């Protein structure tokens, strides 16, 4: 399991998140932290993960400004 802090990418973290998932081994679990912004990034991140065929295991508020999702890579 690896944790990736994508907060420095602001609202442009989706591409990097997908790169990381593509490099991960099958069934590996990854934790991503990103800025919430206007909350649209929360739903979009879930949609991007699902469209890529991976499993969103958890999604929760990390603190007042950040969100965390836990993703399992599917083969």
PDB file of N, CA and C in Angstrom:
ATOM      1  N   UNK A   1       0.850  -1.166   0.000  1.00  0.00           N
ATOM      2  CA  UNK A   1       0.000   0.000   0.000  1.00  0.00           C
ATOM      3  C   UNK A   1       0.898   1.232   0.000  1.00  0.00           C
ATOM      4  N   UNK A   2       0.562   2.169  -0.883  1.00  0.00           N
ATOM      5  CA  UNK A   2       1.318   3.409  -0.981  1.00  0.00           C
ATOM      6  C   UNK A   2       0.375   4.594  -0.803  1.00  0.00           C
ATOM      7  N   UNK A   3       0.902   5.664  -0.245  1.00  0.00           N
ATOM      8  CA  UNK A   3       0.124   6.893  -0.088  1.00  0.00           C
ATOM      9  C   UNK A   3       0.732   7.956  -0.990  1.00  0.00           C
ATOM     10  N   UNK A   4      -0.120   8.639  -1.745  1.00  0.00           N
ATOM     11  CA  UNK A   4       0.324   9.670  -2.681  1.00  0.00           C
ATOM     12  C   UNK A   4      -0.357  10.986  -2.350  1.00  0.00           C
ATOM     13  N   UNK A   5       0.448  12.003  -2.107  1.00  0.00           N
ATOM     14  CA  UNK A   5      -0.056  13.337  -1.793  1.00  0.00           C
ATOM     15  C   UNK A   5      -0.113  14.138  -3.091  1.00  0.00           C
ATOM     16  N   UNK A   6      -1.312  14.366  -3.586  1.00  0.00           N
ATOM     17  CA  UNK A   6      -1.505  15.091  -4.840  1.00  0.00           C
ATOM     18  C   UNK A   6      -2.036  16.505  -4.608  1.00  0.00           C
ATOM     19  N   UNK A   7      -1.960  16.972  -3.377  1.00  0.00           N
ATOM     20  CA  UNK A   7      -2.495  18.294  -3.042  1.00  0.00           C
ATOM     21  C   UNK A   7      -1.792  19.412  -3.791  1.00  0.00           C
ATOM     22  N   UNK A   8      -0.518  19.248  -4.090  1.00  0.00           N
ATOM     23  CA  UNK A   8       0.230  20.298  -4.786  1.00  0.00           C
ATOM     24  C   UNK A   8      -0.252  20.494  -6.225  1.00  0.00           C
ATOM     25  N   UNK A   9      -1.005  19.533  -6.766  1.00  0.00           N
ATOM     26  CA  UNK A   9      -1.521  19.629  -8.132  1.00  0.00           C
ATOM     27  C   UNK A   9      -2.859  20.361  -8.198  1.00  0.00           C
ATOM     28  N   UNK A  10      -3.366  20.775  -7.040  1.00  0.00           N
ATOM     29  CA  UNK A  10      -4.663  21.474  -6.931  1.00  0.00           C
ATOM     30  C   UNK A  10      -5.756  20.643  -7.603  1.00  0.00           C
ATOM     31  N   UNK A  11      -6.481  21.224  -8.575  1.00  0.00           N
ATOM     32  CA  UNK A  11      -7.612  20.542  -9.218  1.00  0.00           C
ATOM     33  C   UNK A  11      -7.198  19.764 -10.469  1.00  0.00           C
ATOM     34  N   UNK A  12      -5.896  19.612 -10.689  1.00  0.00           N
ATOM     35  CA  UNK A  12      -5.405  18.954 -11.900  1.00  0.00           C
ATOM     36  C   UNK A  12      -4.643  17.671 -11.544  1.00  0.00           C
ATOM     37  N   UNK A  13      -5.210  16.869 -10.667  1.00  0.00           N
ATOM     38  CA  UNK A  13      -4.525  15.676 -10.171  1.00  0.00           C
ATOM     39  C   UNK A  13      -4.959  14.380 -10.844  1.00  0.00           C
ATOM     40  N   UNK A  14      -6.024  14.398 -11.639  1.00  0.00           N
ATOM     41  CA  UNK A  14      -6.596  13.175 -12.205  1.00  0.00           C
ATOM     42  C   UNK A  14      -5.605  12.421 -13.094  1.00  0.00           C
ATOM     43  N   UNK A  15      -4.896  13.145 -13.945  1.00  0.00           N
ATOM     44  CA  UNK A  15      -3.919  12.511 -14.831  1.00  0.00           C
ATOM     45  C   UNK A  15      -2.819  11.800 -14.061  1.00  0.00           C
ATOM     46  N   UNK A  16      -2.293  12.470 -13.053  1.00  0.00           N
ATOM     47  CA  UNK A  16      -1.227  11.869 -12.235  1.00  0.00           C
ATOM     48  C   UNK A  16      -1.752  10.669 -11.462  1.00  0.00           C
ATOM     49  N   UNK A  17      -2.978  10.753 -10.960  1.00  0.00           N
ATOM     50  CA  UNK A  17      -3.565   9.637 -10.232  1.00  0.00           C
ATOM     51  C   UNK A  17      -3.674   8.417 -11.149  1.00  0.00           C
ATOM     52  N   UNK A  18      -4.110   8.627 -12.388  1.00  0.00           N
ATOM     53  CA  UNK A  18      -4.251   7.514 -13.322  1.00  0.00           C
ATOM     54  C   UNK A  18      -2.885   6.956 -13.737  1.00  0.00           C
ATOM     55  N   UNK A  19      -1.872   7.801 -13.878  1.00  0.00           N
ATOM     56  CA  UNK A  19      -0.512   7.325 -14.162  1.00  0.00           C
ATOM     57  C   UNK A  19      -0.031   6.397 -13.052  1.00  0.00           C
ATOM     58  N   UNK A  20      -0.247   6.806 -11.823  1.00  0.00           N
ATOM     59  CA  UNK A  20       0.170   6.001 -10.675  1.00  0.00           C
ATOM     60  C   UNK A  20      -0.554   4.661 -10.686  1.00  0.00           C
ATOM     61  N   UNK A  21      -1.850   4.679 -10.947  1.00  0.00           N
ATOM     62  CA  UNK A  21      -2.612   3.423 -10.975  1.00  0.00           C
ATOM     63  C   UNK A  21      -2.159   2.512 -12.113  1.00  0.00           C
ATOM     64  N   UNK A  22      -1.816   3.084 -13.249  1.00  0.00           N
ATOM     65  CA  UNK A  22      -1.347   2.263 -14.371  1.00  0.00           C
ATOM     66  C   UNK A  22      -0.001   1.603 -14.050  1.00  0.00           C
ATOM     67  N   UNK A  23       0.842   2.266 -13.272  1.00  0.00           N
ATOM     68  CA  UNK A  23       2.153   1.725 -12.897  1.00  0.00           C
ATOM     69  C   UNK A  23       2.070   0.725 -11.751  1.00  0.00           C
ATOM     70  N   UNK A  24       0.964   0.741 -11.027  1.00  0.00           N
ATOM     71  CA  UNK A  24       0.807  -0.140  -9.860  1.00  0.00           C
ATOM     72  C   UNK A  24       0.617  -1.594 -10.294  1.00  0.00           C
ATOM     73  N   UNK A  25       0.940  -2.493  -9.400  1.00  0.00           N
ATOM     74  CA  UNK A  25       0.737  -3.920  -9.647  1.00  0.00           C
ATOM     75  C   UNK A  25      -0.749  -4.231  -9.460  1.00  0.00           C
ATOM     76  N   UNK A  26      -1.227  -5.260 -10.152  1.00  0.00           N
ATOM     77  CA  UNK A  26      -2.622  -5.661 -10.020  1.00  0.00           C
ATOM     78  C   UNK A  26      -2.970  -5.934  -8.556  1.00  0.00           C
ATOM     79  N   UNK A  27      -4.122  -5.475  -8.155  1.00  0.00           N
ATOM     80  CA  UNK A  27      -4.685  -5.616  -6.805  1.00  0.00           C
ATOM     81  C   UNK A  27      -3.960  -4.784  -5.748  1.00  0.00           C
ATOM     82  N   UNK A  28      -3.017  -3.935  -6.153  1.00  0.00           N
ATOM     83  CA  UNK A  28      -2.339  -3.059  -5.192  1.00  0.00           C
ATOM     84  C   UNK A  28      -3.314  -1.972  -4.729  1.00  0.00           C
ATOM     85  N   UNK A  29      -3.229  -1.636  -3.463  1.00  0.00           N
ATOM     86  CA  UNK A  29      -4.079  -0.594  -2.885  1.00  0.00           C
ATOM     87  C   UNK A  29      -3.260   0.691  -2.778  1.00  0.00           C
ATOM     88  N   UNK A  30      -3.845   1.798  -3.242  1.00  0.00           N
ATOM     89  CA  UNK A  30      -3.191   3.104  -3.201  1.00  0.00           C
ATOM     90  C   UNK A  30      -4.098   4.096  -2.498  1.00  0.00           C
ATOM     91  N   UNK A  31      -3.481   4.993  -1.741  1.00  0.00           N
ATOM     92  CA  UNK A  31      -4.206   6.047  -1.046  1.00  0.00           C
ATOM     93  C   UNK A  31      -3.804   7.376  -1.690  1.00  0.00           C
ATOM     94  N   UNK A  32      -4.810   8.148  -2.100  1.00  0.00           N
ATOM     95  CA  UNK A  32      -4.567   9.441  -2.734  1.00  0.00           C
ATOM     96  C   UNK A  32      -5.177  10.542  -1.892  1.00  0.00           C
ATOM     97  N   UNK A  33      -4.388  11.602  -1.666  1.00  0.00           N
ATOM     98  CA  UNK A  33      -4.866  12.768  -0.937  1.00  0.00           C
ATOM     99  C   UNK A  33      -4.854  13.942  -1.915  1.00  0.00           C
ATOM    100  N   UNK A  34      -5.973  14.675  -1.976  1.00  0.00           N
ATOM    101  CA  UNK A  34      -6.055  15.826  -2.874  1.00  0.00           C
ATOM    102  C   UNK A  34      -6.903  16.908  -2.237  1.00  0.00           C
ATOM    103  N   UNK A  35      -6.795  18.136  -2.779  1.00  0.00           N
ATOM    104  CA  UNK A  35      -7.587  19.255  -2.266  1.00  0.00           C
ATOM    105  C   UNK A  35      -9.038  19.108  -2.690  1.00  0.00           C
ATOM    106  N   UNK A  36      -9.947  19.470  -1.803  1.00  0.00           N
ATOM    107  CA  UNK A  36     -11.369  19.352  -2.082  1.00  0.00           C
ATOM    108  C   UNK A  36     -11.837  20.404  -3.072  1.00  0.00           C
ATOM    109  N   UNK A  37     -11.462  21.646  -2.892  1.00  0.00           N
ATOM    110  CA  UNK A  37     -11.974  22.715  -3.753  1.00  0.00           C
ATOM    111  C   UNK A  37     -13.469  22.882  -3.554  1.00  0.00           C
ATOM    112  N   UNK A  38     -14.245  22.780  -4.633  1.00  0.00           N
ATOM    113  CA  UNK A  38     -15.704  22.968  -4.548  1.00  0.00           C
ATOM    114  C   UNK A  38     -16.451  21.631  -4.458  1.00  0.00           C
ATOM    115  N   UNK A  39     -15.795  20.586  -4.075  1.00  0.00           N
ATOM    116  CA  UNK A  39     -16.336  19.235  -3.899  1.00  0.00           C
ATOM    117  C   UNK A  39     -16.607  18.497  -5.212  1.00  0.00           C
ATOM    118  N   UNK A  40     -16.513  19.173  -6.365  1.00  0.00           N
ATOM    119  CA  UNK A  40     -16.724  18.466  -7.626  1.00  0.00           C
ATOM    120  C   UNK A  40     -15.591  17.463  -7.862  1.00  0.00           C
ATOM    121  N   UNK A  41     -14.417  17.744  -7.323  1.00  0.00           N
ATOM    122  CA  UNK A  41     -13.282  16.836  -7.489  1.00  0.00           C
ATOM    123  C   UNK A  41     -13.510  15.504  -6.781  1.00  0.00           C
ATOM    124  N   UNK A  42     -14.329  15.510  -5.750  1.00  0.00           N
ATOM    125  CA  UNK A  42     -14.626  14.273  -5.024  1.00  0.00           C
ATOM    126  C   UNK A  42     -15.400  13.312  -5.928  1.00  0.00           C
ATOM    127  N   UNK A  43     -16.471  13.792  -6.535  1.00  0.00           N
ATOM    128  CA  UNK A  43     -17.263  12.942  -7.424  1.00  0.00           C
ATOM    129  C   UNK A  43     -16.488  12.588  -8.679  1.00  0.00           C
ATOM    130  N   UNK A  44     -15.749  13.553  -9.229  1.00  0.00           N
ATOM    131  CA  UNK A  44     -14.996  13.289 -10.452  1.00  0.00           C
ATOM    132  C   UNK A  44     -13.922  12.231 -10.214  1.00  0.00           C
ATOM    133  N   UNK A  45     -13.262  12.270  -9.070  1.00  0.00           N
ATOM    134  CA  UNK A  45     -12.231  11.270  -8.780  1.00  0.00           C
ATOM    135  C   UNK A  45     -12.855   9.875  -8.709  1.00  0.00           C
ATOM    136  N   UNK A  46     -14.027   9.769  -8.090  1.00  0.00           N
ATOM    137  CA  UNK A  46     -14.726   8.479  -8.019  1.00  0.00           C
ATOM    138  C   UNK A  46     -15.118   8.005  -9.411  1.00  0.00           C
ATOM    139  N   UNK A  47     -15.592   8.920 -10.251  1.00  0.00           N
ATOM    140  CA  UNK A  47     -15.981   8.567 -11.620  1.00  0.00           C
ATOM    141  C   UNK A  47     -14.781   8.112 -12.440  1.00  0.00           C
ATOM    142  N   UNK A  48     -13.657   8.820 -12.326  1.00  0.00           N
ATOM    143  CA  UNK A  48     -12.447   8.487 -13.080  1.00  0.00           C
ATOM    144  C   UNK A  48     -11.946   7.096 -12.689  1.00  0.00           C
ATOM    145  N   UNK A  49     -11.935   6.807 -11.405  1.00  0.00           N
ATOM    146  CA  UNK A  49     -11.485   5.500 -10.912  1.00  0.00           C
ATOM    147  C   UNK A  49     -12.396   4.393 -11.435  1.00  0.00           C
ATOM    148  N   UNK A  50     -13.695   4.605 -11.346  1.00  0.00           N
ATOM    149  CA  UNK A  50     -14.654   3.589 -11.789  1.00  0.00           C
ATOM    150  C   UNK A  50     -14.576   3.377 -13.302  1.00  0.00           C
ATOM    151  N   UNK A  51     -14.480   4.448 -14.078  1.00  0.00           N
ATOM    152  CA  UNK A  51     -14.395   4.339 -15.532  1.00  0.00           C
ATOM    153  C   UNK A  51     -13.145   3.583 -15.973  1.00  0.00           C
ATOM    154  N   UNK A  52     -12.082   3.674 -15.186  1.00  0.00           N
ATOM    155  CA  UNK A  52     -10.835   2.975 -15.510  1.00  0.00           C
ATOM    156  C   UNK A  52     -10.895   1.505 -15.092  1.00  0.00           C
ATOM    157  N   UNK A  53     -11.974   1.114 -14.402  1.00  0.00           N
ATOM    158  CA  UNK A  53     -12.146  -0.277 -14.015  1.00  0.00           C
ATOM    159  C   UNK A  53     -11.515  -0.666 -12.694  1.00  0.00           C
ATOM    160  N   UNK A  54     -11.160   0.326 -11.882  1.00  0.00           N
ATOM    161  CA  UNK A  54     -10.567   0.053 -10.581  1.00  0.00           C
ATOM    162  C   UNK A  54     -11.645   0.133  -9.506  1.00  0.00           C
ATOM    163  N   UNK A  55     -11.319  -0.320  -8.302  1.00  0.00           N
ATOM    164  CA  UNK A  55     -12.288  -0.346  -7.206  1.00  0.00           C
ATOM    165  C   UNK A  55     -12.013   0.779  -6.213  1.00  0.00           C
ATOM    166  N   UNK A  56     -13.008   1.646  -6.023  1.00  0.00           N
ATOM    167  CA  UNK A  56     -12.919   2.684  -5.001  1.00  0.00           C
ATOM    168  C   UNK A  56     -13.332   2.044  -3.684  1.00  0.00           C
ATOM    169  N   UNK A  57     -12.382   1.881  -2.782  1.00  0.00           N
ATOM    170  CA  UNK A  57     -12.640   1.178  -1.533  1.00  0.00           C
ATOM    171  C   UNK A  57     -13.129   2.098  -0.430  1.00  0.00           C
ATOM    172  N   UNK A  58     -12.677   3.380  -0.459  1.00  0.00           N
ATOM    173  CA  UNK A  58     -13.073   4.316   0.583  1.00  0.00           C
ATOM    174  C   UNK A  58     -12.876   5.733   0.074  1.00  0.00           C
ATOM    175  N   UNK A  59     -13.675   6.645   0.563  1.00  0.00           N
ATOM    176  CA  UNK A  59     -13.583   8.054   0.200  1.00  0.00           C
ATOM    177  C   UNK A  59     -14.022   8.843   1.422  1.00  0.00           C
ATOM    178  N   UNK A  60     -13.111   9.670   1.957  1.00  0.00           N
ATOM    179  CA  UNK A  60     -13.470  10.404   3.164  1.00  0.00           C
ATOM    180  C   UNK A  60     -12.723  11.717   3.277  1.00  0.00           C
ATOM    181  N   UNK A  61     -13.305  12.597   4.057  1.00  0.00           N
ATOM    182  CA  UNK A  61     -12.703  13.905   4.294  1.00  0.00           C
ATOM    183  C   UNK A  61     -11.484  13.719   5.195  1.00  0.00           C
ATOM    184  N   UNK A  62     -10.331  14.207   4.746  1.00  0.00           N
ATOM    185  CA  UNK A  62      -9.069  14.042   5.471  1.00  0.00           C
ATOM    186  C   UNK A  62      -8.913  15.136   6.520  1.00  0.00           C
ATOM    187  N   UNK A  63      -9.223  16.355   6.152  1.00  0.00           N
ATOM    188  CA  UNK A  63      -9.235  17.494   7.064  1.00  0.00           C
ATOM    189  C   UNK A  63     -10.126  18.573   6.444  1.00  0.00           C
ATOM    190  N   UNK A  64     -10.062  19.794   6.882  1.00  0.00           N
ATOM    191  CA  UNK A  64     -10.958  20.843   6.379  1.00  0.00           C
ATOM    192  C   UNK A  64     -10.780  21.142   4.893  1.00  0.00           C
ATOM    193  N   UNK A  65      -9.581  20.931   4.352  1.00  0.00           N
ATOM    194  CA  UNK A  65      -9.318  21.320   2.959  1.00  0.00           C
ATOM    195  C   UNK A  65      -9.013  20.144   2.035  1.00  0.00           C
ATOM    196  N   UNK A  66      -8.866  18.943   2.570  1.00  0.00           N
ATOM    197  CA  UNK A  66      -8.386  17.826   1.764  1.00  0.00           C
ATOM    198  C   UNK A  66      -9.296  16.609   1.854  1.00  0.00           C
ATOM    199  N   UNK A  67      -9.194  15.763   0.830  1.00  0.00           N
ATOM    200  CA  UNK A  67      -9.989  14.542   0.729  1.00  0.00           C
ATOM    201  C   UNK A  67      -9.037  13.378   0.499  1.00  0.00           C
ATOM    202  N   UNK A  68      -9.437  12.192   0.904  1.00  0.00           N
ATOM    203  CA  UNK A  68      -8.611  10.998   0.712  1.00  0.00           C
ATOM    204  C   UNK A  68      -9.475   9.903   0.104  1.00  0.00           C
ATOM    205  N   UNK A  69      -8.920   9.228  -0.924  1.00  0.00           N
ATOM    206  CA  UNK A  69      -9.599   8.062  -1.474  1.00  0.00           C
ATOM    207  C   UNK A  69      -8.635   6.873  -1.439  1.00  0.00           C
ATOM    208  N   UNK A  70      -9.205   5.696  -1.273  1.00  0.00           N
ATOM    209  CA  UNK A  70      -8.439   4.453  -1.259  1.00  0.00           C
ATOM    210  C   UNK A  70      -8.918   3.641  -2.460  1.00  0.00           C
ATOM    211  N   UNK A  71      -7.958   3.271  -3.322  1.00  0.00           N
ATOM    212  CA  UNK A  71      -8.286   2.619  -4.589  1.00  0.00           C
ATOM    213  C   UNK A  71      -7.514   1.305  -4.718  1.00  0.00           C
ATOM    214  N   UNK A  72      -8.212   0.265  -5.171  1.00  0.00           N
ATOM    215  CA  UNK A  72      -7.551  -1.005  -5.466  1.00  0.00           C
ATOM    216  C   UNK A  72      -7.488  -1.155  -6.982  1.00  0.00           C
ATOM    217  N   UNK A  73      -6.280  -1.378  -7.494  1.00  0.00           N
ATOM    218  CA  UNK A  73      -6.111  -1.536  -8.938  1.00  0.00           C
ATOM    219  C   UNK A  73      -6.655  -2.899  -9.368  1.00  0.00           C
ATOM    220  N   UNK A  74      -7.440  -2.874 -10.398  1.00  0.00           N
ATOM    221  CA  UNK A  74      -7.980  -4.116 -10.982  1.00  0.00           C
ATOM    222  C   UNK A  74      -7.180  -4.465 -12.226  1.00  0.00           C
ATOM    223  N   UNK A  75      -7.036  -5.754 -12.463  1.00  0.00           N
ATOM    224  CA  UNK A  75      -6.281  -6.242 -13.623  1.00  0.00           C
ATOM    225  C   UNK A  75      -6.997  -5.941 -14.908  1.00  0.00           C
TER     226      UNK A  75
END
